[in-house]
């Protein structure tokens, strides 16, 4: 678990970069043989693009770094359980394992709402949830609490967290 916590702390640092830019604080990284080959954090607001999730940015960078779209032997670390779009990209890129921090009861697709990794696709990534769960959840909660305060309302719902 020490290795997973090490990488998740790096993903949390990426999430903090997202928060500093006013983005929902989700960070992700792709690791192969102990080497980080892709990093990403949410950029949807700044890029004005629904596809700019942390996982997709990290996967894109990993593909460029490794020179191909198949990421066999790679692990993904992400601070929030992947949504359906990101889970699909994980399956399609052939990532072996996903370690995520906070569970997402509204859009999580590694077990919370649905487990896309268990469906009969052509690749079956393993998912391990709850790595530094409290810290990852706190980063999201703190962000939305500050956002509600800045908007002057306590009733602003955070949406699905991604």
N, C-alpha and C. Protein backbone atom coordinates (compact mmCIF):
# COMPACT_ATOMS: atom_id res chain seq x y z
N UNK A 1 0.83 -1.20 0.00
CA UNK A 1 0.00 0.00 0.00
C UNK A 1 0.86 1.25 0.00
N UNK A 2 2.08 1.13 0.45
CA UNK A 2 2.98 2.28 0.51
C UNK A 2 3.20 2.89 -0.88
N UNK A 3 3.38 2.03 -1.88
CA UNK A 3 3.58 2.50 -3.25
C UNK A 3 2.33 3.22 -3.77
N UNK A 4 1.15 2.63 -3.50
CA UNK A 4 -0.09 3.25 -3.96
C UNK A 4 -0.30 4.61 -3.30
N UNK A 5 0.03 4.72 -2.03
CA UNK A 5 -0.10 6.01 -1.35
C UNK A 5 0.87 7.04 -1.89
N UNK A 6 2.07 6.60 -2.23
CA UNK A 6 3.07 7.51 -2.82
C UNK A 6 2.53 8.14 -4.10
N UNK A 7 2.02 7.31 -5.00
CA UNK A 7 1.51 7.83 -6.26
C UNK A 7 0.22 8.62 -6.07
N UNK A 8 -0.62 8.19 -5.14
CA UNK A 8 -1.87 8.93 -4.91
C UNK A 8 -1.57 10.32 -4.36
N UNK A 9 -0.54 10.45 -3.56
CA UNK A 9 -0.17 11.79 -3.07
C UNK A 9 0.26 12.68 -4.24
N UNK A 10 0.89 12.12 -5.23
CA UNK A 10 1.25 12.91 -6.42
C UNK A 10 0.00 13.29 -7.20
N UNK A 11 -0.96 12.38 -7.26
CA UNK A 11 -2.24 12.71 -7.91
C UNK A 11 -2.96 13.81 -7.13
N UNK A 12 -2.88 13.77 -5.81
CA UNK A 12 -3.48 14.83 -4.98
C UNK A 12 -2.81 16.18 -5.25
N UNK A 13 -1.51 16.18 -5.47
CA UNK A 13 -0.81 17.43 -5.81
C UNK A 13 -1.33 17.98 -7.14
N UNK A 14 -1.60 17.10 -8.09
CA UNK A 14 -2.17 17.54 -9.36
C UNK A 14 -3.58 18.08 -9.16
N UNK A 15 -4.35 17.43 -8.27
CA UNK A 15 -5.70 17.92 -7.96
C UNK A 15 -5.64 19.32 -7.36
N UNK A 16 -4.64 19.57 -6.54
CA UNK A 16 -4.47 20.91 -5.95
C UNK A 16 -4.19 21.94 -7.03
N UNK A 17 -3.45 21.56 -8.07
CA UNK A 17 -3.20 22.48 -9.19
C UNK A 17 -4.51 22.81 -9.89
N UNK A 18 -5.37 21.81 -10.05
CA UNK A 18 -6.67 22.05 -10.67
C UNK A 18 -7.48 23.03 -9.83
N UNK A 19 -7.52 22.79 -8.52
CA UNK A 19 -8.29 23.66 -7.62
C UNK A 19 -7.80 25.10 -7.69
N UNK A 20 -6.48 25.27 -7.77
CA UNK A 20 -5.90 26.62 -7.84
C UNK A 20 -6.36 27.36 -9.10
N UNK A 21 -6.74 26.61 -10.12
CA UNK A 21 -7.23 27.22 -11.37
C UNK A 21 -8.76 27.31 -11.40
N UNK A 22 -9.40 26.94 -10.30
CA UNK A 22 -10.85 26.97 -10.25
C UNK A 22 -11.52 25.75 -10.86
N UNK A 23 -10.74 24.71 -11.08
CA UNK A 23 -11.26 23.46 -11.64
C UNK A 23 -11.59 22.50 -10.50
N UNK A 24 -12.51 21.59 -10.74
CA UNK A 24 -12.79 20.55 -9.74
C UNK A 24 -11.50 19.78 -9.51
N UNK A 25 -11.09 19.63 -8.25
CA UNK A 25 -9.78 19.07 -7.94
C UNK A 25 -9.70 17.55 -8.10
N UNK A 26 -9.45 17.14 -9.33
CA UNK A 26 -9.19 15.74 -9.62
C UNK A 26 -7.85 15.68 -10.34
N UNK A 27 -6.98 14.81 -9.85
CA UNK A 27 -5.67 14.61 -10.46
C UNK A 27 -5.48 13.15 -10.81
N UNK A 28 -4.70 12.90 -11.86
CA UNK A 28 -4.47 11.52 -12.30
C UNK A 28 -3.06 11.38 -12.84
N UNK A 29 -2.52 10.17 -12.71
CA UNK A 29 -1.24 9.88 -13.34
C UNK A 29 -1.19 8.43 -13.77
N UNK A 30 -0.41 8.18 -14.82
CA UNK A 30 -0.21 6.84 -15.35
C UNK A 30 1.22 6.45 -15.04
N UNK A 31 1.38 5.24 -14.51
CA UNK A 31 2.69 4.75 -14.09
C UNK A 31 2.98 3.43 -14.81
N UNK A 32 4.19 3.32 -15.33
CA UNK A 32 4.65 2.06 -15.93
C UNK A 32 6.03 1.74 -15.39
N UNK A 33 6.17 0.57 -14.81
CA UNK A 33 7.45 0.12 -14.25
C UNK A 33 8.06 1.15 -13.31
N UNK A 34 7.24 1.75 -12.47
CA UNK A 34 7.72 2.71 -11.49
C UNK A 34 8.02 4.09 -12.04
N UNK A 35 7.72 4.32 -13.29
CA UNK A 35 7.98 5.62 -13.94
C UNK A 35 6.65 6.28 -14.31
N UNK A 36 6.50 7.53 -13.95
CA UNK A 36 5.30 8.27 -14.33
C UNK A 36 5.43 8.65 -15.80
N UNK A 37 4.47 8.18 -16.61
CA UNK A 37 4.51 8.44 -18.05
C UNK A 37 3.39 9.37 -18.51
N UNK A 38 2.48 9.70 -17.60
CA UNK A 38 1.40 10.63 -17.95
C UNK A 38 0.83 11.27 -16.70
N UNK A 39 0.54 12.56 -16.81
CA UNK A 39 -0.06 13.32 -15.70
C UNK A 39 -1.21 14.15 -16.25
N UNK A 40 -2.19 14.36 -15.40
CA UNK A 40 -3.29 15.22 -15.81
C UNK A 40 -4.10 15.69 -14.63
N UNK A 41 -4.76 16.81 -14.81
CA UNK A 41 -5.75 17.27 -13.84
C UNK A 41 -6.89 17.90 -14.61
N UNK A 42 -8.03 17.99 -13.95
CA UNK A 42 -9.21 18.52 -14.63
C UNK A 42 -8.93 19.88 -15.26
N UNK A 43 -9.40 20.04 -16.50
CA UNK A 43 -9.23 21.30 -17.25
C UNK A 43 -10.51 21.67 -18.00
N UNK A 44 -11.64 21.11 -17.59
CA UNK A 44 -12.89 21.34 -18.34
C UNK A 44 -13.28 22.81 -18.41
N UNK A 45 -13.18 23.50 -17.30
CA UNK A 45 -13.61 24.91 -17.27
C UNK A 45 -12.69 25.77 -18.13
N UNK A 46 -11.40 25.66 -17.91
CA UNK A 46 -10.43 26.48 -18.65
C UNK A 46 -10.41 26.17 -20.14
N UNK A 47 -10.50 24.89 -20.47
CA UNK A 47 -10.47 24.48 -21.88
C UNK A 47 -11.85 24.57 -22.53
N UNK A 48 -12.88 24.73 -21.69
CA UNK A 48 -14.26 24.74 -22.17
C UNK A 48 -14.53 23.50 -23.03
N UNK A 49 -14.14 22.35 -22.44
CA UNK A 49 -14.20 21.10 -23.18
C UNK A 49 -14.59 19.97 -22.22
N UNK A 50 -15.69 19.31 -22.50
CA UNK A 50 -16.18 18.22 -21.64
C UNK A 50 -15.23 17.04 -21.57
N UNK A 51 -14.32 16.94 -22.52
CA UNK A 51 -13.39 15.80 -22.56
C UNK A 51 -12.16 15.99 -21.68
N UNK A 52 -11.97 17.14 -21.12
CA UNK A 52 -10.73 17.44 -20.38
C UNK A 52 -10.77 16.97 -18.93
N UNK A 53 -11.06 15.70 -18.76
CA UNK A 53 -10.99 15.07 -17.44
C UNK A 53 -9.54 14.69 -17.16
N UNK A 54 -9.20 14.64 -15.89
CA UNK A 54 -7.83 14.33 -15.48
C UNK A 54 -7.33 13.02 -16.08
N UNK A 55 -8.18 11.99 -16.05
CA UNK A 55 -7.76 10.68 -16.56
C UNK A 55 -7.45 10.72 -18.05
N UNK A 56 -8.30 11.41 -18.82
CA UNK A 56 -8.09 11.45 -20.27
C UNK A 56 -6.82 12.20 -20.62
N UNK A 57 -6.53 13.26 -19.88
CA UNK A 57 -5.31 14.02 -20.12
C UNK A 57 -4.09 13.16 -19.78
N UNK A 58 -4.14 12.44 -18.67
CA UNK A 58 -3.03 11.57 -18.28
C UNK A 58 -2.84 10.43 -19.27
N UNK A 59 -3.94 9.84 -19.72
CA UNK A 59 -3.85 8.75 -20.71
C UNK A 59 -3.27 9.27 -22.02
N UNK A 60 -3.73 10.43 -22.46
CA UNK A 60 -3.20 11.01 -23.69
C UNK A 60 -1.69 11.23 -23.59
N UNK A 61 -1.25 11.79 -22.47
CA UNK A 61 0.19 12.03 -22.29
C UNK A 61 0.96 10.72 -22.24
N UNK A 62 0.40 9.70 -21.59
CA UNK A 62 1.07 8.40 -21.53
C UNK A 62 1.21 7.78 -22.92
N UNK A 63 0.17 7.89 -23.73
CA UNK A 63 0.23 7.36 -25.10
C UNK A 63 1.33 8.06 -25.90
N UNK A 64 1.42 9.36 -25.74
CA UNK A 64 2.46 10.12 -26.45
C UNK A 64 3.85 9.75 -25.94
N UNK A 65 3.98 9.61 -24.63
CA UNK A 65 5.28 9.26 -24.04
C UNK A 65 5.74 7.89 -24.49
N UNK A 66 4.81 6.93 -24.50
CA UNK A 66 5.17 5.54 -24.81
C UNK A 66 5.07 5.23 -26.30
N UNK A 67 4.50 6.14 -27.08
CA UNK A 67 4.46 5.96 -28.53
C UNK A 67 3.41 4.97 -29.03
N UNK A 68 2.32 4.83 -28.32
CA UNK A 68 1.26 3.95 -28.78
C UNK A 68 0.03 4.08 -27.91
N UNK A 69 -1.08 3.55 -28.40
CA UNK A 69 -2.34 3.69 -27.67
C UNK A 69 -2.59 2.57 -26.68
N UNK A 70 -1.85 1.49 -26.79
CA UNK A 70 -2.01 0.37 -25.86
C UNK A 70 -1.10 0.59 -24.66
N UNK A 71 -1.71 0.73 -23.49
CA UNK A 71 -0.94 1.00 -22.28
C UNK A 71 -0.84 -0.24 -21.39
N UNK A 72 -0.50 -1.37 -22.02
CA UNK A 72 -0.29 -2.60 -21.26
C UNK A 72 0.80 -2.37 -20.22
N UNK A 73 0.62 -2.94 -19.05
CA UNK A 73 1.62 -2.81 -18.00
C UNK A 73 1.55 -1.49 -17.24
N UNK A 74 0.54 -0.69 -17.52
CA UNK A 74 0.41 0.62 -16.86
C UNK A 74 -0.68 0.59 -15.80
N UNK A 75 -0.47 1.41 -14.78
CA UNK A 75 -1.45 1.63 -13.73
C UNK A 75 -1.87 3.09 -13.78
N UNK A 76 -3.13 3.34 -13.46
CA UNK A 76 -3.65 4.71 -13.38
C UNK A 76 -4.00 5.00 -11.93
N UNK A 77 -3.55 6.14 -11.45
CA UNK A 77 -3.90 6.63 -10.11
C UNK A 77 -4.74 7.88 -10.30
N UNK A 78 -5.91 7.92 -9.66
CA UNK A 78 -6.79 9.07 -9.80
C UNK A 78 -7.49 9.32 -8.48
N UNK A 79 -7.67 10.58 -8.14
CA UNK A 79 -8.20 10.95 -6.84
C UNK A 79 -9.70 10.70 -6.69
N UNK A 80 -10.41 10.52 -7.79
CA UNK A 80 -11.86 10.28 -7.75
C UNK A 80 -12.18 9.11 -8.67
N UNK A 81 -13.09 8.27 -8.24
CA UNK A 81 -13.53 7.13 -9.04
C UNK A 81 -13.91 7.59 -10.45
N UNK A 82 -13.38 6.93 -11.48
CA UNK A 82 -13.67 7.34 -12.86
C UNK A 82 -15.14 7.28 -13.23
N UNK A 83 -15.52 8.24 -14.09
CA UNK A 83 -16.87 8.32 -14.64
C UNK A 83 -16.97 7.32 -15.81
N UNK A 84 -18.14 7.17 -16.43
CA UNK A 84 -18.27 6.22 -17.55
C UNK A 84 -17.34 6.54 -18.72
N UNK A 85 -17.18 7.81 -19.05
CA UNK A 85 -16.32 8.18 -20.17
C UNK A 85 -14.87 7.77 -19.89
N UNK A 86 -14.40 8.07 -18.69
CA UNK A 86 -13.02 7.77 -18.35
C UNK A 86 -12.81 6.26 -18.19
N UNK A 87 -13.81 5.57 -17.62
CA UNK A 87 -13.71 4.11 -17.51
C UNK A 87 -13.61 3.48 -18.90
N UNK A 88 -14.36 4.02 -19.85
CA UNK A 88 -14.28 3.52 -21.22
C UNK A 88 -12.89 3.74 -21.82
N UNK A 89 -12.31 4.90 -21.56
CA UNK A 89 -10.96 5.18 -22.07
C UNK A 89 -9.93 4.27 -21.42
N UNK A 90 -10.13 3.96 -20.14
CA UNK A 90 -9.22 3.05 -19.44
C UNK A 90 -9.29 1.66 -20.07
N UNK A 91 -10.50 1.18 -20.34
CA UNK A 91 -10.66 -0.12 -20.98
C UNK A 91 -10.01 -0.10 -22.36
N UNK A 92 -10.31 0.92 -23.15
CA UNK A 92 -9.81 0.98 -24.52
C UNK A 92 -8.31 1.16 -24.61
N UNK A 93 -7.70 1.78 -23.61
CA UNK A 93 -6.25 1.97 -23.65
C UNK A 93 -5.50 0.79 -23.04
N UNK A 94 -6.24 -0.17 -22.51
CA UNK A 94 -5.66 -1.42 -21.99
C UNK A 94 -4.86 -1.23 -20.70
N UNK A 95 -5.20 -0.22 -19.92
CA UNK A 95 -4.55 -0.02 -18.62
C UNK A 95 -4.85 -1.24 -17.74
N UNK A 96 -3.83 -1.70 -17.01
CA UNK A 96 -3.99 -2.91 -16.20
C UNK A 96 -4.78 -2.69 -14.92
N UNK A 97 -4.41 -1.66 -14.16
CA UNK A 97 -5.00 -1.42 -12.85
C UNK A 97 -5.32 0.06 -12.66
N UNK A 98 -6.41 0.31 -11.92
CA UNK A 98 -6.80 1.66 -11.57
C UNK A 98 -6.88 1.72 -10.05
N UNK A 99 -6.16 2.68 -9.49
CA UNK A 99 -6.24 2.97 -8.06
C UNK A 99 -6.92 4.32 -7.94
N UNK A 100 -8.04 4.36 -7.23
CA UNK A 100 -8.71 5.64 -7.04
C UNK A 100 -8.92 5.92 -5.56
N UNK A 101 -9.07 7.21 -5.26
CA UNK A 101 -9.22 7.64 -3.88
C UNK A 101 -10.66 7.66 -3.43
N UNK A 102 -11.36 8.75 -3.72
CA UNK A 102 -12.74 8.93 -3.28
C UNK A 102 -13.70 8.18 -4.20
N UNK A 103 -14.72 7.62 -3.60
CA UNK A 103 -15.80 7.00 -4.38
C UNK A 103 -16.74 8.10 -4.87
N UNK A 104 -17.36 7.86 -6.03
CA UNK A 104 -18.30 8.83 -6.59
C UNK A 104 -19.68 8.18 -6.70
N UNK A 105 -20.55 8.43 -5.70
CA UNK A 105 -21.86 7.78 -5.71
C UNK A 105 -22.80 8.26 -6.81
N UNK A 106 -22.45 9.33 -7.52
CA UNK A 106 -23.32 9.85 -8.57
C UNK A 106 -22.90 9.43 -9.98
N UNK A 107 -21.61 9.19 -10.20
CA UNK A 107 -21.16 8.85 -11.55
C UNK A 107 -20.05 7.81 -11.57
N UNK A 108 -19.68 7.27 -10.43
CA UNK A 108 -18.58 6.32 -10.37
C UNK A 108 -18.87 5.05 -11.14
N UNK A 109 -17.95 4.69 -12.00
CA UNK A 109 -18.17 3.55 -12.89
C UNK A 109 -17.20 2.40 -12.65
N UNK A 110 -16.66 2.37 -11.43
CA UNK A 110 -15.80 1.26 -11.00
C UNK A 110 -16.43 0.58 -9.79
N UNK A 111 -17.75 0.67 -9.69
CA UNK A 111 -18.45 -0.01 -8.61
C UNK A 111 -19.52 0.80 -7.92
N UNK A 112 -19.41 2.11 -7.87
CA UNK A 112 -20.40 2.91 -7.13
C UNK A 112 -21.76 2.93 -7.80
N UNK A 113 -21.82 3.29 -9.07
CA UNK A 113 -23.07 3.30 -9.82
C UNK A 113 -23.15 2.05 -10.69
N UNK A 114 -22.06 1.77 -11.34
CA UNK A 114 -21.93 0.60 -12.22
C UNK A 114 -20.45 0.20 -12.20
N UNK A 115 -20.18 -1.04 -12.54
CA UNK A 115 -18.79 -1.48 -12.67
C UNK A 115 -18.54 -1.84 -14.12
N UNK A 116 -18.11 -0.86 -14.90
CA UNK A 116 -17.87 -1.11 -16.32
C UNK A 116 -16.74 -2.11 -16.55
N UNK A 117 -15.85 -2.23 -15.59
CA UNK A 117 -14.72 -3.15 -15.74
C UNK A 117 -15.15 -4.61 -15.65
N UNK A 118 -16.35 -4.86 -15.15
CA UNK A 118 -16.81 -6.25 -15.03
C UNK A 118 -17.67 -6.68 -16.21
N UNK A 119 -17.97 -5.77 -17.12
CA UNK A 119 -18.79 -6.11 -18.28
C UNK A 119 -17.95 -6.81 -19.33
N UNK A 120 -18.59 -7.54 -20.24
CA UNK A 120 -17.83 -8.37 -21.20
C UNK A 120 -17.20 -7.59 -22.37
N UNK A 121 -16.35 -6.63 -22.01
CA UNK A 121 -15.56 -5.95 -23.04
C UNK A 121 -14.32 -6.80 -23.33
N UNK A 122 -13.44 -6.31 -24.17
CA UNK A 122 -12.26 -7.08 -24.55
C UNK A 122 -11.08 -6.90 -23.59
N UNK A 123 -11.25 -6.10 -22.54
CA UNK A 123 -10.18 -5.88 -21.57
C UNK A 123 -10.81 -5.65 -20.21
N UNK A 124 -10.19 -6.18 -19.17
CA UNK A 124 -10.76 -6.12 -17.83
C UNK A 124 -9.76 -5.52 -16.84
N UNK A 125 -9.71 -4.19 -16.74
CA UNK A 125 -8.81 -3.59 -15.74
C UNK A 125 -9.25 -3.97 -14.33
N UNK A 126 -8.29 -4.01 -13.43
CA UNK A 126 -8.60 -4.20 -12.02
C UNK A 126 -8.76 -2.83 -11.39
N UNK A 127 -9.67 -2.71 -10.44
CA UNK A 127 -9.88 -1.44 -9.74
C UNK A 127 -9.69 -1.64 -8.25
N UNK A 128 -8.97 -0.71 -7.64
CA UNK A 128 -8.77 -0.68 -6.19
C UNK A 128 -9.20 0.70 -5.72
N UNK A 129 -10.28 0.74 -4.97
CA UNK A 129 -10.80 2.02 -4.50
C UNK A 129 -10.42 2.30 -3.06
N UNK A 130 -10.47 3.57 -2.71
CA UNK A 130 -10.26 3.97 -1.33
C UNK A 130 -8.83 4.27 -0.94
N UNK A 131 -7.93 4.40 -1.91
CA UNK A 131 -6.54 4.74 -1.59
C UNK A 131 -6.50 6.21 -1.15
N UNK A 132 -6.11 6.46 0.07
CA UNK A 132 -6.14 7.81 0.67
C UNK A 132 -7.52 8.44 0.50
N UNK A 133 -8.52 7.63 0.70
CA UNK A 133 -9.92 8.03 0.49
C UNK A 133 -10.28 9.33 1.20
N UNK A 134 -9.94 9.44 2.47
CA UNK A 134 -10.32 10.62 3.24
C UNK A 134 -9.68 11.89 2.69
N UNK A 135 -8.40 11.80 2.33
CA UNK A 135 -7.71 12.98 1.80
C UNK A 135 -8.28 13.39 0.45
N UNK A 136 -8.56 12.41 -0.38
CA UNK A 136 -9.12 12.71 -1.70
C UNK A 136 -10.52 13.31 -1.57
N UNK A 137 -11.34 12.74 -0.70
CA UNK A 137 -12.69 13.26 -0.50
C UNK A 137 -12.64 14.66 0.11
N UNK A 138 -11.70 14.89 1.02
CA UNK A 138 -11.57 16.21 1.65
C UNK A 138 -11.21 17.28 0.63
N UNK A 139 -10.35 16.94 -0.32
CA UNK A 139 -9.97 17.92 -1.35
C UNK A 139 -11.21 18.36 -2.13
N UNK A 140 -12.08 17.42 -2.45
CA UNK A 140 -13.31 17.76 -3.17
C UNK A 140 -14.27 18.54 -2.28
N UNK A 141 -14.47 18.08 -1.06
CA UNK A 141 -15.38 18.77 -0.14
C UNK A 141 -14.94 20.19 0.14
N UNK A 142 -13.65 20.39 0.37
CA UNK A 142 -13.12 21.73 0.63
C UNK A 142 -13.34 22.64 -0.57
N UNK A 143 -13.10 22.12 -1.76
CA UNK A 143 -13.28 22.91 -2.98
C UNK A 143 -14.72 23.39 -3.11
N UNK A 144 -15.67 22.46 -2.95
CA UNK A 144 -17.08 22.83 -3.12
C UNK A 144 -17.58 23.71 -1.99
N UNK A 145 -17.06 23.53 -0.79
CA UNK A 145 -17.44 24.41 0.33
C UNK A 145 -16.98 25.83 0.03
N UNK A 146 -15.76 26.00 -0.46
CA UNK A 146 -15.25 27.34 -0.81
C UNK A 146 -16.03 27.92 -1.98
N UNK A 147 -16.39 27.09 -2.93
CA UNK A 147 -17.16 27.55 -4.08
C UNK A 147 -18.54 28.05 -3.64
N UNK A 148 -19.20 27.29 -2.78
CA UNK A 148 -20.51 27.73 -2.28
C UNK A 148 -20.39 29.03 -1.51
N UNK A 149 -19.35 29.14 -0.70
CA UNK A 149 -19.14 30.36 0.08
C UNK A 149 -18.90 31.56 -0.85
N UNK A 150 -18.11 31.36 -1.88
CA UNK A 150 -17.82 32.43 -2.84
C UNK A 150 -19.07 32.83 -3.61
N UNK A 151 -19.95 31.87 -3.85
CA UNK A 151 -21.19 32.15 -4.56
C UNK A 151 -22.26 32.69 -3.63
N UNK A 152 -21.97 32.64 -2.32
CA UNK A 152 -22.90 33.20 -1.34
C UNK A 152 -24.12 32.36 -1.08
N UNK A 153 -24.00 31.08 -1.32
CA UNK A 153 -25.14 30.20 -1.07
C UNK A 153 -24.66 28.88 -0.50
N UNK A 154 -25.41 28.35 0.43
CA UNK A 154 -25.09 27.06 1.02
C UNK A 154 -25.82 25.95 0.32
N UNK A 155 -26.69 26.28 -0.66
CA UNK A 155 -27.50 25.24 -1.28
C UNK A 155 -26.95 24.78 -2.63
N UNK A 156 -25.82 25.29 -3.03
CA UNK A 156 -25.25 24.90 -4.32
C UNK A 156 -24.76 23.46 -4.25
N UNK A 157 -25.36 22.59 -5.02
CA UNK A 157 -24.95 21.18 -5.03
C UNK A 157 -23.70 21.02 -5.87
N UNK A 158 -22.80 20.16 -5.44
CA UNK A 158 -21.55 20.00 -6.16
C UNK A 158 -21.65 19.20 -7.45
N UNK A 159 -22.77 18.67 -7.80
CA UNK A 159 -22.86 17.87 -9.01
C UNK A 159 -22.21 16.52 -8.76
N UNK A 160 -21.65 15.94 -9.81
CA UNK A 160 -21.10 14.60 -9.65
C UNK A 160 -19.62 14.60 -9.29
N UNK A 161 -19.04 15.75 -9.03
CA UNK A 161 -17.65 15.81 -8.57
C UNK A 161 -16.62 15.77 -9.67
N UNK A 162 -17.03 15.69 -10.91
CA UNK A 162 -16.05 15.69 -12.00
C UNK A 162 -16.51 16.56 -13.14
